[in-house]
PDB file of N, CA and C in Angstrom:
ATOM      1  N   MET A   1       6.976   4.582 -10.331  1.00  0.00           N
ATOM      2  CA  MET A   1       8.365   4.784 -10.710  1.00  0.00           C
ATOM      3  C   MET A   1       9.290   4.659  -9.496  1.00  0.00           C
ATOM      4  N   THR A   2       8.758   4.903  -8.312  1.00  0.00           N
ATOM      5  CA  THR A   2       9.587   4.840  -7.113  1.00  0.00           C
ATOM      6  C   THR A   2       9.986   3.402  -6.790  1.00  0.00           C
ATOM      7  N   LEU A   3       9.057   2.483  -6.975  1.00  0.00           N
ATOM      8  CA  LEU A   3       9.301   1.069  -6.709  1.00  0.00           C
ATOM      9  C   LEU A   3       9.565   0.387  -8.043  1.00  0.00           C
ATOM     10  N   SER A   4      10.673  -0.316  -8.146  1.00  0.00           N
ATOM     11  CA  SER A   4      10.997  -0.970  -9.412  1.00  0.00           C
ATOM     12  C   SER A   4      10.033  -2.122  -9.684  1.00  0.00           C
ATOM     13  N   LEU A   5       9.940  -2.508 -10.932  1.00  0.00           N
ATOM     14  CA  LEU A   5       9.057  -3.600 -11.326  1.00  0.00           C
ATOM     15  C   LEU A   5       9.435  -4.900 -10.619  1.00  0.00           C
ATOM     16  N   SER A   6      10.743  -5.173 -10.521  1.00  0.00           N
ATOM     17  CA  SER A   6      11.166  -6.418  -9.868  1.00  0.00           C
ATOM     18  C   SER A   6      10.762  -6.436  -8.398  1.00  0.00           C
ATOM     19  N   GLN A   7      10.826  -5.287  -7.721  1.00  0.00           N
ATOM     20  CA  GLN A   7      10.415  -5.238  -6.319  1.00  0.00           C
ATOM     21  C   GLN A   7       8.904  -5.375  -6.192  1.00  0.00           C
ATOM     22  N   SER A   8       8.162  -4.884  -7.173  1.00  0.00           N
ATOM     23  CA  SER A   8       6.712  -5.047  -7.151  1.00  0.00           C
ATOM     24  C   SER A   8       6.329  -6.514  -7.211  1.00  0.00           C
ATOM     25  N   TYR A   9       7.176  -7.317  -7.844  1.00  0.00           N
ATOM     26  CA  TYR A   9       6.904  -8.749  -7.956  1.00  0.00           C
ATOM     27  C   TYR A   9       7.504  -9.549  -6.810  1.00  0.00           C
ATOM     28  N   GLY A  10       8.085  -8.867  -5.816  1.00  0.00           N
ATOM     29  CA  GLY A  10       8.574  -9.548  -4.633  1.00  0.00           C
ATOM     30  C   GLY A  10      10.030  -9.951  -4.671  1.00  0.00           C
ATOM     31  N   LEU A  11      10.768  -9.520  -5.694  1.00  0.00           N
ATOM     32  CA  LEU A  11      12.189  -9.813  -5.722  1.00  0.00           C
ATOM     33  C   LEU A  11      12.901  -8.858  -4.779  1.00  0.00           C
ATOM     34  N   LYS A  12      13.893  -9.356  -4.085  1.00  0.00           N
ATOM     35  CA  LYS A  12      14.540  -8.546  -3.061  1.00  0.00           C
ATOM     36  C   LYS A  12      15.315  -7.387  -3.667  1.00  0.00           C
ATOM     37  N   GLY A  13      15.212  -6.289  -3.004  1.00  0.00           N
ATOM     38  CA  GLY A  13      15.938  -5.071  -3.339  1.00  0.00           C
ATOM     39  C   GLY A  13      16.023  -4.252  -2.072  1.00  0.00           C
ATOM     40  N   GLU A  14      16.258  -2.974  -2.219  1.00  0.00           N
ATOM     41  CA  GLU A  14      16.296  -2.096  -1.059  1.00  0.00           C
ATOM     42  C   GLU A  14      14.875  -1.751  -0.621  1.00  0.00           C
ATOM     43  N   LEU A  15      14.710  -1.490   0.662  1.00  0.00           N
ATOM     44  CA  LEU A  15      13.422  -1.051   1.178  1.00  0.00           C
ATOM     45  C   LEU A  15      13.190   0.376   0.713  1.00  0.00           C
ATOM     46  N   VAL A  16      12.113   0.607  -0.006  1.00  0.00           N
ATOM     47  CA  VAL A  16      11.805   1.929  -0.538  1.00  0.00           C
ATOM     48  C   VAL A  16      10.940   2.675   0.471  1.00  0.00           C
ATOM     49  N   THR A  17      11.427   3.834   0.917  1.00  0.00           N
ATOM     50  CA  THR A  17      10.692   4.625   1.907  1.00  0.00           C
ATOM     51  C   THR A  17      10.539   6.078   1.474  1.00  0.00           C
ATOM     52  N   ASN A  18      10.921   6.404   0.259  1.00  0.00           N
ATOM     53  CA  ASN A  18      10.819   7.783  -0.212  1.00  0.00           C
ATOM     54  C   ASN A  18       9.649   7.935  -1.179  1.00  0.00           C
ATOM     55  N   GLY A  19       9.434   9.161  -1.646  1.00  0.00           N
ATOM     56  CA  GLY A  19       8.339   9.426  -2.572  1.00  0.00           C
ATOM     57  C   GLY A  19       7.004   9.133  -1.910  1.00  0.00           C
ATOM     58  N   PRO A  20       6.079   8.500  -2.634  1.00  0.00           N
ATOM     59  CA  PRO A  20       4.771   8.215  -2.041  1.00  0.00           C
ATOM     60  C   PRO A  20       4.857   7.255  -0.860  1.00  0.00           C
ATOM     61  N   TYR A  21       5.943   6.490  -0.770  1.00  0.00           N
ATOM     62  CA  TYR A  21       6.117   5.549   0.336  1.00  0.00           C
ATOM     63  C   TYR A  21       6.458   6.256   1.645  1.00  0.00           C
ATOM     64  N   SER A  22       6.672   7.568   1.615  1.00  0.00           N
ATOM     65  CA  SER A  22       6.878   8.303   2.859  1.00  0.00           C
ATOM     66  C   SER A  22       5.546   8.704   3.488  1.00  0.00           C
ATOM     67  N   PHE A  23       4.433   8.561   2.753  1.00  0.00           N
ATOM     68  CA  PHE A  23       3.106   8.884   3.257  1.00  0.00           C
ATOM     69  C   PHE A  23       2.225   7.651   3.425  1.00  0.00           C
ATOM     70  N   SER A  24       2.564   6.565   2.735  1.00  0.00           N
ATOM     71  CA  SER A  24       1.765   5.344   2.772  1.00  0.00           C
ATOM     72  C   SER A  24       2.667   4.148   2.515  1.00  0.00           C
ATOM     73  N   ARG A  25       2.469   3.075   3.287  1.00  0.00           N
ATOM     74  CA  ARG A  25       3.236   1.858   3.015  1.00  0.00           C
ATOM     75  C   ARG A  25       2.683   1.119   1.809  1.00  0.00           C
ATOM     76  N   ASN A  26       1.494   1.489   1.354  1.00  0.00           N
ATOM     77  CA  ASN A  26       0.835   0.823   0.227  1.00  0.00           C
ATOM     78  C   ASN A  26       0.228   1.828  -0.748  1.00  0.00           C
ATOM     79  N   PRO A  27       1.028   2.702  -1.334  1.00  0.00           N
ATOM     80  CA  PRO A  27       0.444   3.726  -2.215  1.00  0.00           C
ATOM     81  C   PRO A  27      -0.212   3.150  -3.467  1.00  0.00           C
ATOM     82  N   GLN A  28       0.221   1.960  -3.919  1.00  0.00           N
ATOM     83  CA  GLN A  28      -0.439   1.351  -5.077  1.00  0.00           C
ATOM     84  C   GLN A  28      -1.902   1.052  -4.755  1.00  0.00           C
ATOM     85  N   TYR A  29      -2.157   0.515  -3.588  1.00  0.00           N
ATOM     86  CA  TYR A  29      -3.515   0.173  -3.205  1.00  0.00           C
ATOM     87  C   TYR A  29      -4.369   1.428  -3.047  1.00  0.00           C
ATOM     88  N   VAL A  30      -3.788   2.475  -2.478  1.00  0.00           N
ATOM     89  CA  VAL A  30      -4.506   3.743  -2.349  1.00  0.00           C
ATOM     90  C   VAL A  30      -4.880   4.253  -3.741  1.00  0.00           C
ATOM     91  N   GLY A  31      -3.942   4.182  -4.675  1.00  0.00           N
ATOM     92  CA  GLY A  31      -4.212   4.611  -6.050  1.00  0.00           C
ATOM     93  C   GLY A  31      -5.296   3.795  -6.711  1.00  0.00           C
ATOM     94  N   PHE A  32      -5.277   2.483  -6.502  1.00  0.00           N
ATOM     95  CA  PHE A  32      -6.308   1.615  -7.075  1.00  0.00           C
ATOM     96  C   PHE A  32      -7.690   1.960  -6.519  1.00  0.00           C
ATOM     97  N   VAL A  33      -7.773   2.227  -5.222  1.00  0.00           N
ATOM     98  CA  VAL A  33      -9.056   2.579  -4.613  1.00  0.00           C
ATOM     99  C   VAL A  33      -9.579   3.880  -5.218  1.00  0.00           C
ATOM    100  N   ILE A  34      -8.714   4.853  -5.388  1.00  0.00           N
ATOM    101  CA  ILE A  34      -9.120   6.125  -6.000  1.00  0.00           C
ATOM    102  C   ILE A  34      -9.569   5.901  -7.439  1.00  0.00           C
ATOM    103  N   LEU A  35      -8.812   5.116  -8.185  1.00  0.00           N
ATOM    104  CA  LEU A  35      -9.152   4.843  -9.581  1.00  0.00           C
ATOM    105  C   LEU A  35     -10.517   4.153  -9.700  1.00  0.00           C
ATOM    106  N   TYR A  36     -10.736   3.105  -8.910  1.00  0.00           N
ATOM    107  CA  TYR A  36     -12.005   2.389  -8.964  1.00  0.00           C
ATOM    108  C   TYR A  36     -13.161   3.255  -8.463  1.00  0.00           C
ATOM    109  N   SER A  37     -12.908   4.107  -7.472  1.00  0.00           N
ATOM    110  CA  SER A  37     -13.949   5.021  -7.000  1.00  0.00           C
ATOM    111  C   SER A  37     -14.367   5.972  -8.112  1.00  0.00           C
ATOM    112  N   ASP A  38     -13.398   6.495  -8.834  1.00  0.00           N
ATOM    113  CA  ASP A  38     -13.698   7.367  -9.963  1.00  0.00           C
ATOM    114  C   ASP A  38     -14.464   6.620 -11.052  1.00  0.00           C
ATOM    115  N   LEU A  39     -14.109   5.375 -11.284  1.00  0.00           N
ATOM    116  CA  LEU A  39     -14.798   4.564 -12.287  1.00  0.00           C
ATOM    117  C   LEU A  39     -16.280   4.402 -11.941  1.00  0.00           C
ATOM    118  N   ILE A  40     -16.568   4.184 -10.675  1.00  0.00           N
ATOM    119  CA  ILE A  40     -17.960   4.050 -10.236  1.00  0.00           C
ATOM    120  C   ILE A  40     -18.722   5.346 -10.478  1.00  0.00           C
ATOM    121  N   LEU A  41     -18.087   6.463 -10.150  1.00  0.00           N
ATOM    122  CA  LEU A  41     -18.752   7.755 -10.355  1.00  0.00           C
ATOM    123  C   LEU A  41     -19.008   8.032 -11.830  1.00  0.00           C
ATOM    124  N   VAL A  42     -18.060   7.694 -12.676  1.00  0.00           N
ATOM    125  CA  VAL A  42     -18.186   7.961 -14.108  1.00  0.00           C
ATOM    126  C   VAL A  42     -19.223   7.045 -14.756  1.00  0.00           C
ATOM    127  N   THR A  43     -19.222   5.781 -14.380  1.00  0.00           N
ATOM    128  CA  THR A  43     -20.114   4.824 -15.032  1.00  0.00           C
ATOM    129  C   THR A  43     -21.498   4.770 -14.396  1.00  0.00           C
ATOM    130  N   ASP A  44     -21.605   5.197 -13.129  1.00  0.00           N
ATOM    131  CA  ASP A  44     -22.871   5.126 -12.404  1.00  0.00           C
ATOM    132  C   ASP A  44     -23.457   3.706 -12.516  1.00  0.00           C
ATOM    133  N   SER A  45     -22.577   2.718 -12.276  1.00  0.00           N
ATOM    134  CA  SER A  45     -22.941   1.323 -12.486  1.00  0.00           C
ATOM    135  C   SER A  45     -23.033   0.558 -11.167  1.00  0.00           C
ATOM    136  N   TYR A  46     -24.126  -0.137 -11.002  1.00  0.00           N
ATOM    137  CA  TYR A  46     -24.311  -1.003  -9.843  1.00  0.00           C
ATOM    138  C   TYR A  46     -23.265  -2.123  -9.851  1.00  0.00           C
ATOM    139  N   TYR A  47     -22.988  -2.682 -11.007  1.00  0.00           N
ATOM    140  CA  TYR A  47     -22.008  -3.769 -11.122  1.00  0.00           C
ATOM    141  C   TYR A  47     -20.605  -3.300 -10.754  1.00  0.00           C
ATOM    142  N   ALA A  48     -20.275  -2.078 -11.140  1.00  0.00           N
ATOM    143  CA  ALA A  48     -18.969  -1.518 -10.764  1.00  0.00           C
ATOM    144  C   ALA A  48     -18.889  -1.337  -9.255  1.00  0.00           C
ATOM    145  N   LEU A  49     -19.996  -0.942  -8.633  1.00  0.00           N
ATOM    146  CA  LEU A  49     -20.031  -0.779  -7.185  1.00  0.00           C
ATOM    147  C   LEU A  49     -19.810  -2.110  -6.476  1.00  0.00           C
ATOM    148  N   VAL A  50     -20.452  -3.159  -6.938  1.00  0.00           N
ATOM    149  CA  VAL A  50     -20.287  -4.487  -6.340  1.00  0.00           C
ATOM    150  C   VAL A  50     -18.838  -4.955  -6.486  1.00  0.00           C
ATOM    151  N   THR A  51     -18.281  -4.738  -7.656  1.00  0.00           N
ATOM    152  CA  THR A  51     -16.875  -5.101  -7.893  1.00  0.00           C
ATOM    153  C   THR A  51     -15.966  -4.300  -6.971  1.00  0.00           C
ATOM    154  N   TRP A  52     -16.257  -3.016  -6.813  1.00  0.00           N
ATOM    155  CA  TRP A  52     -15.455  -2.139  -5.970  1.00  0.00           C
ATOM    156  C   TRP A  52     -15.477  -2.630  -4.525  1.00  0.00           C
ATOM    157  N   LEU A  53     -16.637  -3.040  -4.032  1.00  0.00           N
ATOM    158  CA  LEU A  53     -16.729  -3.524  -2.658  1.00  0.00           C
ATOM    159  C   LEU A  53     -15.873  -4.775  -2.446  1.00  0.00           C
ATOM    160  N   ALA A  54     -15.882  -5.675  -3.411  1.00  0.00           N
ATOM    161  CA  ALA A  54     -15.040  -6.875  -3.324  1.00  0.00           C
ATOM    162  C   ALA A  54     -13.565  -6.483  -3.376  1.00  0.00           C
ATOM    163  N   PHE A  55     -13.249  -5.530  -4.219  1.00  0.00           N
ATOM    164  CA  PHE A  55     -11.870  -5.077  -4.354  1.00  0.00           C
ATOM    165  C   PHE A  55     -11.384  -4.414  -3.064  1.00  0.00           C
ATOM    166  N   ILE A  56     -12.235  -3.605  -2.447  1.00  0.00           N
ATOM    167  CA  ILE A  56     -11.861  -2.947  -1.194  1.00  0.00           C
ATOM    168  C   ILE A  56     -11.509  -3.988  -0.136  1.00  0.00           C
ATOM    169  N   LEU A  57     -12.275  -5.046  -0.055  1.00  0.00           N
ATOM    170  CA  LEU A  57     -11.981  -6.114   0.894  1.00  0.00           C
ATOM    171  C   LEU A  57     -10.596  -6.699   0.628  1.00  0.00           C
ATOM    172  N   LEU A  58     -10.298  -6.949  -0.627  1.00  0.00           N
ATOM    173  CA  LEU A  58      -8.978  -7.471  -1.005  1.00  0.00           C
ATOM    174  C   LEU A  58      -7.876  -6.490  -0.630  1.00  0.00           C
ATOM    175  N   VAL A  59      -8.081  -5.217  -0.916  1.00  0.00           N
ATOM    176  CA  VAL A  59      -7.078  -4.188  -0.617  1.00  0.00           C
ATOM    177  C   VAL A  59      -6.837  -4.082   0.886  1.00  0.00           C
ATOM    178  N   LEU A  60      -7.877  -4.211   1.677  1.00  0.00           N
ATOM    179  CA  LEU A  60      -7.716  -4.116   3.121  1.00  0.00           C
ATOM    180  C   LEU A  60      -7.010  -5.324   3.720  1.00  0.00           C
ATOM    181  N   LEU A  61      -7.169  -6.493   3.103  1.00  0.00           N
ATOM    182  CA  LEU A  61      -6.584  -7.718   3.652  1.00  0.00           C
ATOM    183  C   LEU A  61      -5.169  -8.016   3.139  1.00  0.00           C
ATOM    184  N   THR A  62      -4.861  -7.631   1.923  1.00  0.00           N
ATOM    185  CA  THR A  62      -3.577  -7.978   1.315  1.00  0.00           C
ATOM    186  C   THR A  62      -2.356  -7.535   2.126  1.00  0.00           C
ATOM    187  N   PRO A  63      -2.312  -6.306   2.637  1.00  0.00           N
ATOM    188  CA  PRO A  63      -1.126  -5.909   3.404  1.00  0.00           C
ATOM    189  C   PRO A  63      -0.842  -6.791   4.605  1.00  0.00           C
ATOM    190  N   PHE A  64      -1.870  -7.391   5.187  1.00  0.00           N
ATOM    191  CA  PHE A  64      -1.645  -8.265   6.341  1.00  0.00           C
ATOM    192  C   PHE A  64      -0.871  -9.523   5.953  1.00  0.00           C
ATOM    193  N   SER A  65      -0.979  -9.953   4.713  1.00  0.00           N
ATOM    194  CA  SER A  65      -0.202 -11.102   4.262  1.00  0.00           C
ATOM    195  C   SER A  65       1.181 -10.680   3.771  1.00  0.00           C
ATOM    196  N   GLU A  66       1.326  -9.446   3.329  1.00  0.00           N
ATOM    197  CA  GLU A  66       2.617  -8.973   2.827  1.00  0.00           C
ATOM    198  C   GLU A  66       3.564  -8.537   3.945  1.00  0.00           C
ATOM    199  N   GLU A  67       3.020  -7.995   5.008  1.00  0.00           N
ATOM    200  CA  GLU A  67       3.856  -7.419   6.051  1.00  0.00           C
ATOM    201  C   GLU A  67       4.775  -8.419   6.750  1.00  0.00           C
ATOM    202  N   PRO A  68       4.340  -9.642   7.061  1.00  0.00           N
ATOM    203  CA  PRO A  68       5.287 -10.603   7.654  1.00  0.00           C
ATOM    204  C   PRO A  68       6.470 -10.899   6.719  1.00  0.00           C
ATOM    205  N   TRP A  69       6.213 -10.982   5.420  1.00  0.00           N
ATOM    206  CA  TRP A  69       7.288 -11.226   4.460  1.00  0.00           C
ATOM    207  C   TRP A  69       8.256 -10.039   4.442  1.00  0.00           C
ATOM    208  N   LEU A  70       7.721  -8.822   4.466  1.00  0.00           N
ATOM    209  CA  LEU A  70       8.579  -7.633   4.477  1.00  0.00           C
ATOM    210  C   LEU A  70       9.420  -7.576   5.745  1.00  0.00           C
ATOM    211  N   GLU A  71       8.825  -7.943   6.868  1.00  0.00           N
ATOM    212  CA  GLU A  71       9.574  -7.976   8.123  1.00  0.00           C
ATOM    213  C   GLU A  71      10.703  -8.997   8.052  1.00  0.00           C
ATOM    214  N   GLU A  72      10.426 -10.139   7.467  1.00  0.00           N
ATOM    215  CA  GLU A  72      11.455 -11.171   7.308  1.00  0.00           C
ATOM    216  C   GLU A  72      12.578 -10.698   6.379  1.00  0.00           C
ATOM    217  N   GLN A  73      12.220 -10.011   5.296  1.00  0.00           N
ATOM    218  CA  GLN A  73      13.210  -9.560   4.314  1.00  0.00           C
ATOM    219  C   GLN A  73      14.068  -8.407   4.822  1.00  0.00           C
ATOM    220  N   TYR A  74      13.463  -7.451   5.524  1.00  0.00           N
ATOM    221  CA  TYR A  74      14.162  -6.212   5.863  1.00  0.00           C
ATOM    222  C   TYR A  74      14.380  -6.001   7.355  1.00  0.00           C
ATOM    223  N   GLY A  75      13.817  -6.849   8.190  1.00  0.00           N
ATOM    224  CA  GLY A  75      14.069  -6.824   9.625  1.00  0.00           C
ATOM    225  C   GLY A  75      13.773  -5.500  10.309  1.00  0.00           C
ATOM    226  N   GLU A  76      14.739  -5.047  11.102  1.00  0.00           N
ATOM    227  CA  GLU A  76      14.571  -3.831  11.905  1.00  0.00           C
ATOM    228  C   GLU A  76      14.293  -2.603  11.048  1.00  0.00           C
ATOM    229  N   GLU A  77      14.871  -2.554   9.868  1.00  0.00           N
ATOM    230  CA  GLU A  77      14.632  -1.416   8.984  1.00  0.00           C
ATOM    231  C   GLU A  77      13.140  -1.304   8.646  1.00  0.00           C
ATOM    232  N   TYR A  78      12.511  -2.428   8.336  1.00  0.00           N
ATOM    233  CA  TYR A  78      11.085  -2.415   8.030  1.00  0.00           C
ATOM    234  C   TYR A  78      10.259  -2.101   9.273  1.00  0.00           C
ATOM    235  N   LEU A  79      10.637  -2.648  10.426  1.00  0.00           N
ATOM    236  CA  LEU A  79       9.889  -2.388  11.657  1.00  0.00           C
ATOM    237  C   LEU A  79       9.881  -0.901  11.991  1.00  0.00           C
ATOM    238  N   ALA A  80      11.019  -0.233  11.825  1.00  0.00           N
ATOM    239  CA  ALA A  80      11.090   1.207  12.069  1.00  0.00           C
ATOM    240  C   ALA A  80      10.215   1.961  11.065  1.00  0.00           C
ATOM    241  N   TYR A  81      10.266   1.543   9.811  1.00  0.00           N
ATOM    242  CA  TYR A  81       9.441   2.158   8.764  1.00  0.00           C
ATOM    243  C   TYR A  81       7.959   1.968   9.067  1.00  0.00           C
ATOM    244  N   ARG A  82       7.592   0.757   9.462  1.00  0.00           N
ATOM    245  CA  ARG A  82       6.196   0.443   9.776  1.00  0.00           C
ATOM    246  C   ARG A  82       5.676   1.292  10.930  1.00  0.00           C
ATOM    247  N   GLU A  83       6.532   1.580  11.888  1.00  0.00           N
ATOM    248  CA  GLU A  83       6.129   2.386  13.036  1.00  0.00           C
ATOM    249  C   GLU A  83       5.944   3.860  12.683  1.00  0.00           C
ATOM    250  N   SER A  84       6.599   4.321  11.624  1.00  0.00           N
ATOM    251  CA  SER A  84       6.565   5.753  11.317  1.00  0.00           C
ATOM    252  C   SER A  84       5.660   6.123  10.143  1.00  0.00           C
ATOM    253  N   VAL A  85       5.227   5.146   9.341  1.00  0.00           N
ATOM    254  CA  VAL A  85       4.421   5.445   8.153  1.00  0.00           C
ATOM    255  C   VAL A  85       3.131   4.635   8.216  1.00  0.00           C
ATOM    256  N   PRO A  86       1.973   5.297   8.001  1.00  0.00           N
ATOM    257  CA  PRO A  86       0.701   4.578   8.061  1.00  0.00           C
ATOM    258  C   PRO A  86       0.549   3.529   6.960  1.00  0.00           C
ATOM    259  N   ARG A  87      -0.290   2.541   7.206  1.00  0.00           N
ATOM    260  CA  ARG A  87      -0.490   1.451   6.252  1.00  0.00           C
ATOM    261  C   ARG A  87      -1.056   1.963   4.930  1.00  0.00           C
ATOM    262  N   PHE A  88      -2.049   2.833   4.978  1.00  0.00           N
ATOM    263  CA  PHE A  88      -2.668   3.291   3.735  1.00  0.00           C
ATOM    264  C   PHE A  88      -2.370   4.755   3.445  1.00  0.00           C
ATOM    265  N   ILE A  89      -2.797   5.662   4.272  1.00  0.00           N
ATOM    266  CA  ILE A  89      -2.513   7.070   4.006  1.00  0.00           C
ATOM    267  C   ILE A  89      -2.590   7.848   5.308  1.00  0.00           C
ATOM    268  N   GLY A  90      -1.757   8.870   5.401  1.00  0.00           N
ATOM    269  CA  GLY A  90      -1.746   9.700   6.593  1.00  0.00           C
ATOM    270  C   GLY A  90      -0.460  10.478   6.689  1.00  0.00           C
ATOM    271  N   VAL A  91      -0.235  11.012   7.834  1.00  0.00           N
ATOM    272  CA  VAL A  91       0.952  11.820   8.089  1.00  0.00           C
ATOM    273  C   VAL A  91       1.987  10.944   8.796  1.00  0.00           C
ATOM    274  N   PRO A  92       3.210  10.892   8.250  1.00  0.00           N
ATOM    275  CA  PRO A  92       4.249  10.102   8.905  1.00  0.00           C
ATOM    276  C   PRO A  92       4.532  10.652  10.303  1.00  0.00           C
ATOM    277  N   THR A  93       4.896   9.777  11.201  1.00  0.00           N
ATOM    278  CA  THR A  93       5.267  10.190  12.564  1.00  0.00           C
ATOM    279  C   THR A  93       6.773  10.129  12.685  1.00  0.00           C
ATOM    280  N   VAL A  94       7.284  10.865  13.637  1.00  0.00           N
ATOM    281  CA  VAL A  94       8.715  10.868  13.913  1.00  0.00           C
ATOM    282  C   VAL A  94       8.946   9.937  15.078  1.00  0.00           C
ATOM    283  N   ASN A  95       9.889   8.997  14.915  1.00  0.00           N
ATOM    284  CA  ASN A  95      10.198   8.083  16.011  1.00  0.00           C
ATOM    285  C   ASN A  95      10.827   8.855  17.162  1.00  0.00           C
ATOM    286  N   GLN A  96      10.328   8.633  18.352  1.00  0.00           N
ATOM    287  CA  GLN A  96      10.823   9.299  19.552  1.00  0.00           C
ATOM    288  C   GLN A  96      11.813   8.379  20.257  1.00  0.00           C
ATOM    289  N   GLN A  97      13.033   8.342  19.775  1.00  0.00           N
ATOM    290  CA  GLN A  97      14.031   7.455  20.398  1.00  0.00           C
ATOM    291  C   GLN A  97      15.161   8.245  20.968  1.00  0.00           C
TER     292      GLN A  97
END
């Protein structure tokens, strides 16, 4: 709900840094990893595990292709955000300027 549907599809809007985006630059990916991890536990399936491993690789690589585009779209605002919020999950840092 924090990120609009149009922004999820890459249409330009404001840089969203509140809500879950204050703890992770990619909260959707974190949520997907948690969801798929739970699916593996519930199904106890070898095939789900193999799928999960492939998905994890995709989740780890995708932000590297998205970040240059975000930097181009939002410039210094995104660079400051990137410096203060972890890529996946963690505690935001305060910029010491």
